[in-house]
Protein backbone atom coordinates (compact mmCIF):
# COMPACT_ATOMS: atom_id res chain seq x y z
CA UNK A 1 7.50 41.16 87.45
CA UNK A 2 7.97 44.80 87.52
CA UNK A 3 8.50 45.00 91.35
CA UNK A 4 11.09 42.11 91.15
CA UNK A 5 13.01 44.09 88.38
CA UNK A 6 12.91 47.33 90.44
CA UNK A 7 14.02 45.66 93.59
CA UNK A 8 16.78 43.85 91.77
CA UNK A 9 18.05 47.01 90.23
CA UNK A 10 17.96 48.83 93.49
CA UNK A 11 19.93 45.92 95.26
CA UNK A 12 22.59 45.96 92.45
CA UNK A 13 22.92 49.82 92.86
CA UNK A 14 23.25 49.57 96.67
CA UNK A 15 25.90 46.71 96.35
CA UNK A 16 27.92 48.64 93.87
CA UNK A 17 27.99 51.78 96.07
CA UNK A 18 29.12 49.80 99.08
CA UNK A 19 31.70 47.93 97.20
CA UNK A 20 33.10 51.13 95.62
CA UNK A 21 33.23 52.58 99.20
CA UNK A 22 35.15 49.51 100.47
CA UNK A 23 37.60 49.69 97.55
CA UNK A 24 38.31 53.33 98.54
CA UNK A 25 38.81 52.33 102.24
CA UNK A 26 40.98 49.46 101.05
CA UNK A 27 43.15 51.98 99.09
CA UNK A 28 43.54 54.31 102.04
CA UNK A 29 44.21 51.38 104.44
CA UNK A 30 46.75 49.98 101.98
CA UNK A 31 48.43 53.35 101.62
CA UNK A 32 48.61 53.75 105.35
CA UNK A 33 49.94 50.27 105.77
CA UNK A 34 52.64 50.75 103.22
CA UNK A 35 53.89 54.00 105.08
CA UNK A 36 52.37 56.49 102.58
CA UNK A 37 51.42 59.70 104.25
CA UNK A 38 48.17 60.89 102.49
CA UNK A 39 48.21 64.27 104.39
CA UNK A 40 50.29 67.30 103.52
CA UNK A 41 53.59 67.20 105.38
CA UNK A 42 56.08 69.95 104.84
CA UNK A 43 59.76 69.14 105.19
CA UNK A 44 62.38 71.78 106.06
CA UNK A 45 64.16 71.00 102.90
CA UNK A 46 61.07 72.11 100.96
CA UNK A 47 61.65 75.73 102.11
CA UNK A 48 65.55 75.97 102.32
CA UNK A 49 66.55 78.73 99.75
CA UNK A 50 65.74 82.35 98.71
CA UNK A 51 61.96 83.25 98.08
CA UNK A 52 60.56 86.62 96.81
CA UNK A 53 57.11 87.91 97.14
CA UNK A 54 55.42 87.32 93.90
CA UNK A 55 51.58 87.86 94.75
CA UNK A 56 49.80 89.78 97.34
CA UNK A 57 46.22 88.98 96.70
CA UNK A 58 43.47 90.85 98.36
CA UNK A 59 39.93 89.60 98.85
CA UNK A 60 38.62 92.70 97.23
CA UNK A 61 39.95 94.89 94.36
CA UNK A 62 41.68 98.20 95.35
CA UNK A 63 43.02 101.19 93.34
CA UNK A 64 45.91 102.25 95.51
CA UNK A 65 47.74 104.17 92.71
CA UNK A 66 44.62 106.10 91.78
CA UNK A 67 44.89 105.23 88.00
CA UNK A 68 41.18 104.26 87.84
CA UNK A 69 41.87 100.37 87.64
CA UNK A 70 41.40 98.25 90.65
CA UNK A 71 43.44 95.10 91.22
CA UNK A 72 43.05 92.23 93.69
CA UNK A 73 46.94 91.97 93.44
CA UNK A 74 48.26 94.76 95.53
CA UNK A 75 51.71 94.44 93.72
CA UNK A 76 50.01 95.74 90.67
CA UNK A 77 49.01 98.87 92.60
CA UNK A 78 52.23 99.81 94.36
CA UNK A 79 55.92 99.02 94.27
CA UNK A 80 56.24 99.15 98.05
CA UNK A 81 56.45 95.35 98.41
CA UNK A 82 58.85 94.68 95.53
CA UNK A 83 61.77 93.99 97.86
CA UNK A 84 59.96 91.59 100.18
CA UNK A 85 61.55 88.20 100.51
CA UNK A 86 62.81 85.55 102.93
CA UNK A 87 65.87 83.47 103.06
CA UNK A 88 65.52 80.08 104.77
CA UNK A 89 68.90 78.45 105.74
CA UNK A 90 69.69 74.86 106.38
CA UNK A 91 70.81 75.68 109.89
CA UNK A 92 67.02 76.78 110.51
CA UNK A 93 67.71 80.49 110.71
CA UNK A 94 66.06 82.90 108.44
CA UNK A 95 66.13 86.60 107.28
CA UNK A 96 63.13 88.40 105.94
CA UNK A 97 62.97 91.80 104.22
CA UNK A 98 59.67 93.47 104.92
CA UNK A 99 57.74 96.57 103.94
CA UNK A 100 54.77 98.41 105.33
CA UNK A 101 52.31 100.52 103.28
CA UNK A 102 50.78 103.50 105.03
CA UNK A 103 48.15 106.26 104.20
CA UNK A 104 49.54 109.19 105.95
CA UNK A 105 51.72 111.01 103.31
CA UNK A 106 51.25 114.27 101.41
CA UNK A 107 49.63 117.53 102.31
CA UNK A 108 46.21 116.06 103.23
CA UNK A 109 47.67 112.87 104.80
CA UNK A 110 45.83 110.90 102.24
CA UNK A 111 48.78 109.83 100.07
CA UNK A 112 50.57 106.30 100.22
CA UNK A 113 53.77 106.04 101.99
CA UNK A 114 56.06 103.05 101.97
CA UNK A 115 58.44 101.92 104.73
CA UNK A 116 60.53 99.19 103.08
CA UNK A 117 63.81 97.39 103.74
CA UNK A 118 63.17 96.41 107.23
CA UNK A 119 64.97 93.14 107.98
CA UNK A 120 63.75 90.63 110.51
CA UNK A 121 65.56 87.46 111.61
CA UNK A 122 65.30 84.46 113.73
CA UNK A 123 64.89 80.69 113.67
CA UNK A 124 62.23 78.71 111.79
CA UNK A 125 60.84 75.06 111.77
CA UNK A 126 57.85 73.22 110.35
CA UNK A 127 55.14 71.34 112.01
CA UNK A 128 53.12 69.39 109.48
CA UNK A 129 51.97 72.06 107.12
CA UNK A 130 52.73 74.90 109.44
CA UNK A 131 55.72 77.16 109.23
CA UNK A 132 56.87 78.23 112.71
CA UNK A 133 58.89 81.37 112.93
CA UNK A 134 60.58 82.68 116.13
CA UNK A 135 61.35 86.38 115.21
CA UNK A 136 63.78 88.46 117.21
CA UNK A 137 62.55 92.03 117.42
CA UNK A 138 64.64 94.24 119.67
CA UNK A 139 65.65 91.24 121.73
CA UNK A 140 62.12 89.93 122.11
CA UNK A 141 61.22 86.64 120.56
CA UNK A 142 57.77 86.57 118.87
CA UNK A 143 56.34 83.27 117.44
CA UNK A 144 54.36 83.31 114.27
CA UNK A 145 52.48 80.11 113.09
CA UNK A 146 51.31 80.08 109.39
CA UNK A 147 49.61 77.25 107.62
CA UNK A 148 51.33 76.96 104.19
CA UNK A 149 50.02 76.03 100.73
CA UNK A 150 53.18 74.75 98.80
CA UNK A 151 54.35 73.77 95.39
CA UNK A 152 57.82 73.04 94.27
CA UNK A 153 58.39 76.72 93.33
CA UNK A 154 55.82 78.69 95.59
CA UNK A 155 54.52 78.86 99.02
CA UNK A 156 51.68 80.86 100.17
CA UNK A 157 49.67 81.78 103.37
CA UNK A 158 46.79 83.97 104.43
CA UNK A 159 46.89 87.13 106.58
CA UNK A 160 43.78 88.22 108.29
CA UNK A 161 42.73 91.93 108.74
CA UNK A 162 43.98 91.81 112.24
CA UNK A 163 47.41 90.53 111.12
CA UNK A 164 47.58 92.86 108.12
CA UNK A 165 48.68 95.72 110.31
CA UNK A 166 52.35 94.42 109.74
CA UNK A 167 51.94 95.21 106.03
CA UNK A 168 49.38 98.09 105.84
CA UNK A 169 48.83 101.03 108.31
CA UNK A 170 45.18 101.82 107.40
CA UNK A 171 43.45 104.76 109.27
CA UNK A 172 40.12 103.11 108.34
CA UNK A 173 38.99 105.34 105.57
CA UNK A 174 41.57 104.41 102.85
CA UNK A 175 41.04 102.58 99.61
CA UNK A 176 42.52 99.55 101.37
CA UNK A 177 39.90 99.48 104.24
CA UNK A 178 37.60 96.92 102.62
CA UNK A 179 40.35 94.27 102.59
CA UNK A 180 39.67 91.52 105.13
CA UNK A 181 42.11 88.95 104.01
CA UNK A 182 45.44 88.98 102.05
CA UNK A 183 47.10 85.90 100.51
CA UNK A 184 50.86 86.28 100.15
CA UNK A 185 52.56 84.02 97.78
CA UNK A 186 56.45 83.83 97.54
CA UNK A 187 58.31 82.35 94.56
CA UNK A 188 61.60 80.57 94.88
CA UNK A 189 64.69 81.97 93.22
């Protein structure tokens, strides 16, 4: 009797698991059948507007301003990036205001310097959840592709150590040297 009860219980559990999995598949198939896209797709209209840099999150805390407090959000450590922003226009052109942090100022070349206010422009488009920028720099077009995480009021993307040279000029022995990944978040005005 005990074996019968155990086998019956096991059979009920197995049938329940398969029926739940089948219902989940049916929901997905039904959504696909009804034309609902379950993947993240970015529409150009999601980005049209003016966006300002709101967070520059590092994977490790740094103390750039030498106040004894380290932060992961670089914006809490320097005002160098305060003017960074981008305007995406409906005609698929953009203008971005950028900045670059350096570690070559002062008498000993160990103070932070900031090059801000540089404007870049070009055209843009979206491909799924990827922002595609064609940037005109001195007559040469450079293409950048960044996978975005987007909400109605923010978008964000990651920048690797290799790519971070656009934002930080690090000689290799600065307080920013341990950073491997930055996450930049822009908020819509």
